[in-house]
Amino acid sequence: MKNLRALALRYHEAQMMDVSMQLALSISVPTFAVLVGILINNSRLSDLRAEMNTRFDESNAMMDRRFDDMKDMWRSELHHVEEVLNARLKHLEDR
């Protein structure tokens, strides 16, 4: 009878060990998976940020070139208008 009770106690201890192991695994495995997912997403977001910065820098450089070109065009057009007006005024003054 004593052996039977000791055997039942050992089975109960082994069952408790299995329950605690199951609990530890059921908590640690999903937690580890979530942490790995967070790290992967973080690295992907860093890559996305770098890509966006590159695109915005290229866009800013292109816009700066376009504005400089427009500024040069306006200067040349205004210079042409100024020459035409000067020629007309000179023509009127010569009369």
N, C-alpha and C. Protein backbone atom coordinates (compact mmCIF):
# COMPACT_ATOMS: atom_id res chain seq x y z
N MET A 1 0.82 -1.18 0.00
CA MET A 1 0.00 0.00 0.00
C MET A 1 0.87 1.26 0.00
N LYS A 2 1.99 1.19 0.73
CA LYS A 2 2.89 2.33 0.80
C LYS A 2 3.53 2.57 -0.57
N ASN A 3 3.89 1.49 -1.25
CA ASN A 3 4.48 1.63 -2.58
C ASN A 3 3.49 2.24 -3.57
N LEU A 4 2.26 1.85 -3.45
CA LEU A 4 1.22 2.36 -4.34
C LEU A 4 1.03 3.87 -4.15
N ARG A 5 1.05 4.26 -2.86
CA ARG A 5 0.90 5.68 -2.57
C ARG A 5 2.13 6.46 -3.06
N ALA A 6 3.33 5.94 -2.90
CA ALA A 6 4.56 6.60 -3.37
C ALA A 6 4.55 6.69 -4.88
N LEU A 7 4.07 5.63 -5.57
CA LEU A 7 3.99 5.63 -7.02
C LEU A 7 2.99 6.69 -7.51
N ALA A 8 1.87 6.80 -6.82
CA ALA A 8 0.88 7.80 -7.18
C ALA A 8 1.44 9.21 -6.96
N LEU A 9 2.21 9.40 -5.90
CA LEU A 9 2.81 10.69 -5.62
C LEU A 9 3.83 11.06 -6.70
N ARG A 10 4.62 10.07 -7.12
CA ARG A 10 5.59 10.34 -8.19
C ARG A 10 4.89 10.69 -9.50
N TYR A 11 3.81 10.01 -9.79
CA TYR A 11 3.05 10.29 -11.00
C TYR A 11 2.48 11.71 -10.94
N HIS A 12 2.00 12.08 -9.75
CA HIS A 12 1.45 13.41 -9.58
C HIS A 12 2.53 14.48 -9.75
N GLU A 13 3.75 14.24 -9.21
CA GLU A 13 4.86 15.17 -9.37
C GLU A 13 5.27 15.28 -10.83
N ALA A 14 5.31 14.16 -11.51
CA ALA A 14 5.65 14.18 -12.93
C ALA A 14 4.59 14.92 -13.73
N GLN A 15 3.34 14.72 -13.35
CA GLN A 15 2.26 15.42 -14.03
C GLN A 15 2.35 16.93 -13.77
N MET A 16 2.70 17.31 -12.53
CA MET A 16 2.87 18.72 -12.23
C MET A 16 4.03 19.31 -13.02
N MET A 17 5.10 18.54 -13.17
CA MET A 17 6.24 19.00 -13.95
C MET A 17 5.80 19.19 -15.41
N ASP A 18 5.00 18.31 -15.92
CA ASP A 18 4.52 18.44 -17.28
C ASP A 18 3.63 19.68 -17.43
N VAL A 19 2.81 19.94 -16.43
CA VAL A 19 1.92 21.11 -16.49
C VAL A 19 2.75 22.39 -16.44
N SER A 20 3.74 22.44 -15.56
CA SER A 20 4.55 23.65 -15.47
C SER A 20 5.40 23.83 -16.74
N MET A 21 5.88 22.73 -17.30
CA MET A 21 6.64 22.80 -18.54
C MET A 21 5.73 23.26 -19.68
N GLN A 22 4.51 22.74 -19.70
CA GLN A 22 3.56 23.12 -20.73
C GLN A 22 3.22 24.61 -20.59
N LEU A 23 3.05 25.07 -19.38
CA LEU A 23 2.76 26.48 -19.15
C LEU A 23 3.92 27.36 -19.61
N ALA A 24 5.14 26.96 -19.26
CA ALA A 24 6.31 27.73 -19.67
C ALA A 24 6.44 27.77 -21.18
N LEU A 25 6.22 26.65 -21.83
CA LEU A 25 6.32 26.62 -23.29
C LEU A 25 5.19 27.41 -23.94
N SER A 26 3.99 27.31 -23.37
CA SER A 26 2.87 28.03 -23.97
C SER A 26 3.00 29.54 -23.82
N ILE A 27 3.81 30.00 -22.88
CA ILE A 27 4.06 31.44 -22.73
C ILE A 27 5.29 31.87 -23.51
N SER A 28 6.35 31.09 -23.45
CA SER A 28 7.62 31.53 -24.04
C SER A 28 7.65 31.43 -25.56
N VAL A 29 7.07 30.41 -26.15
CA VAL A 29 7.14 30.26 -27.61
C VAL A 29 6.40 31.40 -28.32
N PRO A 30 5.16 31.73 -27.99
CA PRO A 30 4.52 32.88 -28.67
C PRO A 30 5.21 34.21 -28.39
N THR A 31 5.72 34.36 -27.16
CA THR A 31 6.44 35.59 -26.84
C THR A 31 7.68 35.73 -27.70
N PHE A 32 8.41 34.65 -27.87
CA PHE A 32 9.61 34.65 -28.72
C PHE A 32 9.23 34.95 -30.17
N ALA A 33 8.13 34.37 -30.64
CA ALA A 33 7.68 34.61 -32.01
C ALA A 33 7.30 36.08 -32.20
N VAL A 34 6.65 36.67 -31.22
CA VAL A 34 6.27 38.08 -31.31
C VAL A 34 7.51 38.97 -31.32
N LEU A 35 8.48 38.67 -30.49
CA LEU A 35 9.72 39.46 -30.45
C LEU A 35 10.47 39.38 -31.78
N VAL A 36 10.54 38.19 -32.36
CA VAL A 36 11.19 38.04 -33.66
C VAL A 36 10.43 38.85 -34.72
N GLY A 37 9.11 38.81 -34.69
CA GLY A 37 8.32 39.59 -35.62
C GLY A 37 8.55 41.08 -35.47
N ILE A 38 8.65 41.55 -34.23
CA ILE A 38 8.90 42.96 -33.98
C ILE A 38 10.26 43.37 -34.55
N LEU A 39 11.28 42.54 -34.33
CA LEU A 39 12.61 42.86 -34.85
C LEU A 39 12.63 42.89 -36.37
N ILE A 40 11.95 41.94 -36.99
CA ILE A 40 11.92 41.91 -38.45
C ILE A 40 11.18 43.13 -38.99
N ASN A 41 10.04 43.47 -38.39
CA ASN A 41 9.30 44.65 -38.83
C ASN A 41 10.09 45.93 -38.61
N ASN A 42 10.84 45.99 -37.52
CA ASN A 42 11.65 47.16 -37.24
C ASN A 42 12.72 47.34 -38.31
N SER A 43 13.36 46.24 -38.71
CA SER A 43 14.38 46.36 -39.75
C SER A 43 13.75 46.72 -41.08
N ARG A 44 12.57 46.19 -41.37
CA ARG A 44 11.89 46.54 -42.62
C ARG A 44 11.46 48.01 -42.61
N LEU A 45 11.03 48.52 -41.45
CA LEU A 45 10.66 49.93 -41.37
C LEU A 45 11.88 50.83 -41.55
N SER A 46 13.02 50.39 -41.04
CA SER A 46 14.25 51.16 -41.24
C SER A 46 14.62 51.21 -42.71
N ASP A 47 14.48 50.07 -43.40
CA ASP A 47 14.74 50.04 -44.83
C ASP A 47 13.77 50.94 -45.58
N LEU A 48 12.50 50.91 -45.19
CA LEU A 48 11.50 51.76 -45.83
C LEU A 48 11.81 53.23 -45.60
N ARG A 49 12.23 53.57 -44.39
CA ARG A 49 12.57 54.96 -44.09
C ARG A 49 13.75 55.42 -44.94
N ALA A 50 14.75 54.57 -45.10
CA ALA A 50 15.91 54.93 -45.92
C ALA A 50 15.49 55.11 -47.38
N GLU A 51 14.64 54.23 -47.87
CA GLU A 51 14.16 54.34 -49.24
C GLU A 51 13.36 55.62 -49.45
N MET A 52 12.51 55.95 -48.49
CA MET A 52 11.70 57.17 -48.61
C MET A 52 12.58 58.41 -48.55
N ASN A 53 13.59 58.40 -47.68
CA ASN A 53 14.50 59.55 -47.60
C ASN A 53 15.22 59.75 -48.92
N THR A 54 15.64 58.66 -49.55
CA THR A 54 16.32 58.74 -50.84
C THR A 54 15.39 59.33 -51.89
N ARG A 55 14.16 58.84 -51.92
CA ARG A 55 13.20 59.35 -52.91
C ARG A 55 12.88 60.82 -52.67
N PHE A 56 12.69 61.22 -51.43
CA PHE A 56 12.40 62.62 -51.15
C PHE A 56 13.58 63.51 -51.50
N ASP A 57 14.81 63.04 -51.23
CA ASP A 57 15.99 63.83 -51.59
C ASP A 57 16.07 64.01 -53.10
N GLU A 58 15.80 62.93 -53.85
CA GLU A 58 15.81 63.03 -55.31
C GLU A 58 14.73 63.99 -55.78
N SER A 59 13.56 63.89 -55.18
CA SER A 59 12.46 64.78 -55.57
C SER A 59 12.80 66.23 -55.26
N ASN A 60 13.40 66.48 -54.11
CA ASN A 60 13.79 67.86 -53.75
C ASN A 60 14.84 68.40 -54.72
N ALA A 61 15.80 67.56 -55.10
CA ALA A 61 16.83 68.00 -56.04
C ALA A 61 16.21 68.32 -57.40
N MET A 62 15.25 67.48 -57.83
CA MET A 62 14.59 67.72 -59.10
C MET A 62 13.79 69.03 -59.06
N MET A 63 13.08 69.26 -57.97
CA MET A 63 12.30 70.49 -57.83
C MET A 63 13.22 71.71 -57.81
N ASP A 64 14.35 71.60 -57.12
CA ASP A 64 15.30 72.71 -57.10
C ASP A 64 15.81 73.02 -58.50
N ARG A 65 16.13 71.98 -59.28
CA ARG A 65 16.57 72.20 -60.66
C ARG A 65 15.49 72.87 -61.49
N ARG A 66 14.26 72.40 -61.32
CA ARG A 66 13.15 72.99 -62.09
C ARG A 66 12.94 74.45 -61.73
N PHE A 67 13.00 74.79 -60.43
CA PHE A 67 12.84 76.18 -60.03
C PHE A 67 13.99 77.04 -60.55
N ASP A 68 15.21 76.50 -60.52
CA ASP A 68 16.34 77.25 -61.06
C ASP A 68 16.17 77.48 -62.56
N ASP A 69 15.70 76.45 -63.26
CA ASP A 69 15.46 76.61 -64.70
C ASP A 69 14.37 77.66 -64.97
N MET A 70 13.32 77.61 -64.17
CA MET A 70 12.24 78.60 -64.34
C MET A 70 12.75 80.00 -64.03
N LYS A 71 13.57 80.13 -63.01
CA LYS A 71 14.12 81.43 -62.65
C LYS A 71 14.99 81.97 -63.80
N ASP A 72 15.81 81.11 -64.38
CA ASP A 72 16.64 81.54 -65.52
C ASP A 72 15.78 81.93 -66.71
N MET A 73 14.71 81.15 -66.96
CA MET A 73 13.84 81.48 -68.08
C MET A 73 13.16 82.84 -67.86
N TRP A 74 12.68 83.08 -66.65
CA TRP A 74 12.02 84.36 -66.36
C TRP A 74 13.01 85.52 -66.49
N ARG A 75 14.23 85.31 -66.06
CA ARG A 75 15.24 86.36 -66.20
C ARG A 75 15.48 86.68 -67.67
N SER A 76 15.60 85.64 -68.49
CA SER A 76 15.84 85.88 -69.92
C SER A 76 14.63 86.55 -70.56
N GLU A 77 13.43 86.12 -70.19
CA GLU A 77 12.23 86.75 -70.74
C GLU A 77 12.12 88.21 -70.31
N LEU A 78 12.40 88.48 -69.05
CA LEU A 78 12.34 89.86 -68.56
C LEU A 78 13.42 90.72 -69.21
N HIS A 79 14.58 90.12 -69.45
CA HIS A 79 15.64 90.86 -70.14
C HIS A 79 15.19 91.21 -71.55
N HIS A 80 14.55 90.28 -72.22
CA HIS A 80 14.04 90.54 -73.57
C HIS A 80 12.98 91.65 -73.55
N VAL A 81 12.06 91.60 -72.59
CA VAL A 81 11.03 92.64 -72.48
C VAL A 81 11.69 93.99 -72.20
N GLU A 82 12.70 93.97 -71.35
CA GLU A 82 13.41 95.22 -71.04
C GLU A 82 14.08 95.80 -72.29
N GLU A 83 14.69 94.96 -73.10
CA GLU A 83 15.31 95.44 -74.33
C GLU A 83 14.27 96.02 -75.29
N VAL A 84 13.12 95.35 -75.42
CA VAL A 84 12.07 95.84 -76.30
C VAL A 84 11.56 97.20 -75.82
N LEU A 85 11.33 97.31 -74.52
CA LEU A 85 10.85 98.59 -73.98
C LEU A 85 11.89 99.69 -74.15
N ASN A 86 13.16 99.36 -73.94
CA ASN A 86 14.22 100.36 -74.13
C ASN A 86 14.28 100.82 -75.59
N ALA A 87 14.12 99.86 -76.50
CA ALA A 87 14.14 100.21 -77.92
C ALA A 87 12.96 101.11 -78.26
N ARG A 88 11.81 100.83 -77.74
CA ARG A 88 10.64 101.66 -78.02
C ARG A 88 10.79 103.06 -77.43
N LEU A 89 11.29 103.12 -76.20
CA LEU A 89 11.51 104.43 -75.58
C LEU A 89 12.55 105.23 -76.34
N LYS A 90 13.62 104.56 -76.78
CA LYS A 90 14.64 105.26 -77.55
C LYS A 90 14.06 105.78 -78.86
N HIS A 91 13.22 104.96 -79.47
CA HIS A 91 12.56 105.38 -80.72
C HIS A 91 11.68 106.60 -80.48
N LEU A 92 10.94 106.60 -79.35
CA LEU A 92 10.10 107.76 -79.04
C LEU A 92 10.93 109.01 -78.72
N GLU A 93 12.04 108.80 -78.04
CA GLU A 93 12.90 109.94 -77.68
C GLU A 93 13.55 110.55 -78.92
N ASP A 94 13.86 109.69 -79.90
CA ASP A 94 14.52 110.19 -81.10
C ASP A 94 13.56 111.01 -81.97
N ARG A 95 12.30 110.90 -81.82
CA ARG A 95 11.33 111.66 -82.63
C ARG A 95 11.40 113.08 -82.33
